[in-house]
C-alpha atoms as a PDB file:
ATOM      1  CA  UNK A   1     -15.006  53.201 140.611  1.00  0.00           C
ATOM      2  CA  UNK A   2     -17.198  56.311 140.776  1.00  0.00           C
ATOM      3  CA  UNK A   3     -14.933  58.579 138.821  1.00  0.00           C
ATOM      4  CA  UNK A   4     -12.614  56.505 136.579  1.00  0.00           C
ATOM      5  CA  UNK A   5      -9.757  58.285 135.030  1.00  0.00           C
ATOM      6  CA  UNK A   6      -9.071  55.940 132.124  1.00  0.00           C
ATOM      7  CA  UNK A   7     -11.058  53.746 129.961  1.00  0.00           C
ATOM      8  CA  UNK A   8     -10.792  49.995 131.070  1.00  0.00           C
ATOM      9  CA  UNK A   9     -12.343  46.664 130.278  1.00  0.00           C
ATOM     10  CA  UNK A  10     -12.339  44.034 133.136  1.00  0.00           C
ATOM     11  CA  UNK A  11     -11.947  40.367 132.952  1.00  0.00           C
ATOM     12  CA  UNK A  12     -15.438  38.712 132.960  1.00  0.00           C
ATOM     13  CA  UNK A  13     -16.504  37.072 136.206  1.00  0.00           C
ATOM     14  CA  UNK A  14     -16.871  34.258 136.692  1.00  0.00           C
ATOM     15  CA  UNK A  15     -14.535  32.812 134.091  1.00  0.00           C
ATOM     16  CA  UNK A  16     -14.907  30.122 133.100  1.00  0.00           C
ATOM     17  CA  UNK A  17     -18.735  30.673 133.106  1.00  0.00           C
ATOM     18  CA  UNK A  18     -21.882  28.547 132.586  1.00  0.00           C
ATOM     19  CA  UNK A  19     -24.148  29.947 131.212  1.00  0.00           C
ATOM     20  CA  UNK A  20     -23.869  33.576 132.363  1.00  0.00           C
ATOM     21  CA  UNK A  21     -21.136  36.113 133.377  1.00  0.00           C
ATOM     22  CA  UNK A  22     -20.675  39.741 134.025  1.00  0.00           C
ATOM     23  CA  UNK A  23     -18.528  42.157 132.054  1.00  0.00           C
ATOM     24  CA  UNK A  24     -17.457  45.478 133.723  1.00  0.00           C
ATOM     25  CA  UNK A  25     -16.008  48.483 132.053  1.00  0.00           C
ATOM     26  CA  UNK A  26     -15.127  52.078 133.094  1.00  0.00           C
ATOM     27  CA  UNK A  27     -15.548  55.233 131.300  1.00  0.00           C
ATOM     28  CA  UNK A  28     -13.756  58.553 132.287  1.00  0.00           C
ATOM     29  CA  UNK A  29     -16.300  60.495 130.136  1.00  0.00           C
ATOM     30  CA  UNK A  30     -19.745  59.835 128.607  1.00  0.00           C
ATOM     31  CA  UNK A  31     -19.175  57.757 125.502  1.00  0.00           C
ATOM     32  CA  UNK A  32     -20.899  55.786 122.649  1.00  0.00           C
ATOM     33  CA  UNK A  33     -20.112  52.280 123.549  1.00  0.00           C
ATOM     34  CA  UNK A  34     -20.307  49.083 121.412  1.00  0.00           C
ATOM     35  CA  UNK A  35     -19.629  45.734 123.242  1.00  0.00           C
ATOM     36  CA  UNK A  36     -19.877  42.532 121.301  1.00  0.00           C
ATOM     37  CA  UNK A  37     -18.933  38.963 121.741  1.00  0.00           C
ATOM     38  CA  UNK A  38     -17.348  36.836 119.114  1.00  0.00           C
ATOM     39  CA  UNK A  39     -16.601  33.094 118.801  1.00  0.00           C
ATOM     40  CA  UNK A  40     -13.161  31.673 118.121  1.00  0.00           C
ATOM     41  CA  UNK A  41     -13.639  31.948 114.373  1.00  0.00           C
ATOM     42  CA  UNK A  42     -14.392  35.645 114.684  1.00  0.00           C
ATOM     43  CA  UNK A  43     -18.096  35.329 114.079  1.00  0.00           C
ATOM     44  CA  UNK A  44     -20.257  37.872 116.171  1.00  0.00           C
ATOM     45  CA  UNK A  45     -22.573  35.938 118.512  1.00  0.00           C
ATOM     46  CA  UNK A  46     -23.961  38.748 120.596  1.00  0.00           C
ATOM     47  CA  UNK A  47     -24.213  42.525 120.890  1.00  0.00           C
ATOM     48  CA  UNK A  48     -24.307  43.427 124.612  1.00  0.00           C
ATOM     49  CA  UNK A  49     -24.240  47.263 124.286  1.00  0.00           C
ATOM     50  CA  UNK A  50     -24.594  49.720 121.354  1.00  0.00           C
ATOM     51  CA  UNK A  51     -25.402  53.265 122.714  1.00  0.00           C
ATOM     52  CA  UNK A  52     -24.631  56.067 125.009  1.00  0.00           C
ATOM     53  CA  UNK A  53     -23.248  55.425 128.475  1.00  0.00           C
ATOM     54  CA  UNK A  54     -22.624  57.960 131.280  1.00  0.00           C
ATOM     55  CA  UNK A  55     -19.162  58.513 132.826  1.00  0.00           C
ATOM     56  CA  UNK A  56     -18.394  55.906 135.495  1.00  0.00           C
ATOM     57  CA  UNK A  57     -18.446  52.104 136.014  1.00  0.00           C
ATOM     58  CA  UNK A  58     -20.797  49.792 134.235  1.00  0.00           C
ATOM     59  CA  UNK A  59     -21.674  46.002 134.387  1.00  0.00           C
ATOM     60  CA  UNK A  60     -23.483  44.092 131.700  1.00  0.00           C
ATOM     61  CA  UNK A  61     -24.634  40.519 132.073  1.00  0.00           C
ATOM     62  CA  UNK A  62     -23.889  38.107 129.253  1.00  0.00           C
ATOM     63  CA  UNK A  63     -26.067  34.905 129.050  1.00  0.00           C
ATOM     64  CA  UNK A  64     -24.688  32.304 126.810  1.00  0.00           C
ATOM     65  CA  UNK A  65     -27.340  29.703 127.318  1.00  0.00           C
ATOM     66  CA  UNK A  66     -27.759  29.207 123.483  1.00  0.00           C
ATOM     67  CA  UNK A  67     -23.944  28.840 122.793  1.00  0.00           C
ATOM     68  CA  UNK A  68     -21.727  25.878 122.854  1.00  0.00           C
ATOM     69  CA  UNK A  69     -18.711  25.403 125.231  1.00  0.00           C
ATOM     70  CA  UNK A  70     -15.564  27.048 124.018  1.00  0.00           C
ATOM     71  CA  UNK A  71     -13.584  30.242 123.928  1.00  0.00           C
ATOM     72  CA  UNK A  72     -15.267  33.552 123.205  1.00  0.00           C
ATOM     73  CA  UNK A  73     -13.806  37.119 122.947  1.00  0.00           C
ATOM     74  CA  UNK A  74     -15.646  40.189 123.979  1.00  0.00           C
ATOM     75  CA  UNK A  75     -14.614  43.479 122.486  1.00  0.00           C
ATOM     76  CA  UNK A  76     -15.324  47.119 123.574  1.00  0.00           C
ATOM     77  CA  UNK A  77     -15.156  50.223 121.497  1.00  0.00           C
ATOM     78  CA  UNK A  78     -15.709  53.481 123.273  1.00  0.00           C
ATOM     79  CA  UNK A  79     -14.528  56.458 121.392  1.00  0.00           C
ATOM     80  CA  UNK A  80     -10.998  55.764 120.392  1.00  0.00           C
ATOM     81  CA  UNK A  81     -10.608  53.014 123.132  1.00  0.00           C
ATOM     82  CA  UNK A  82     -10.646  49.422 121.926  1.00  0.00           C
ATOM     83  CA  UNK A  83      -9.966  46.427 123.957  1.00  0.00           C
ATOM     84  CA  UNK A  84     -10.570  42.613 123.652  1.00  0.00           C
ATOM     85  CA  UNK A  85     -10.671  39.967 126.325  1.00  0.00           C
ATOM     86  CA  UNK A  86     -11.193  36.224 126.398  1.00  0.00           C
ATOM     87  CA  UNK A  87     -13.989  34.404 128.099  1.00  0.00           C
ATOM     88  CA  UNK A  88     -14.373  30.615 128.456  1.00  0.00           C
ATOM     89  CA  UNK A  89     -17.831  28.981 128.438  1.00  0.00           C
ATOM     90  CA  UNK A  90     -17.839  25.533 129.994  1.00  0.00           C
ATOM     91  CA  UNK A  91     -21.150  23.664 129.893  1.00  0.00           C
END
C-alpha cells in the first residue's frame, strides 16, 4: 500500500513461526512508532521499533531465536493508534 488511508497492524507472517517472522504496518502519515513484543505474562521481550517512520507501508523482521516456544503479543503505538496482535512461536 503506497498511500494507506488508515493506521493498521497486520498479522505477522508466518504464524506460527520459527524462529523469525515479519510484522507489517501501515501509516497514513509520518509518525513516531513504538513496536514491542511481550510474552504471555506481559513481560517485554523485544523492542522492534522506536522512532520516526514515514507515511506508507513498513515491514519489520522479528527474530525470536533466544525465546522459548509459546504465545507472544506484539503491540504498536503510532500517535493515538494502538493495536495488539498475537504471534505463536513453535520451536
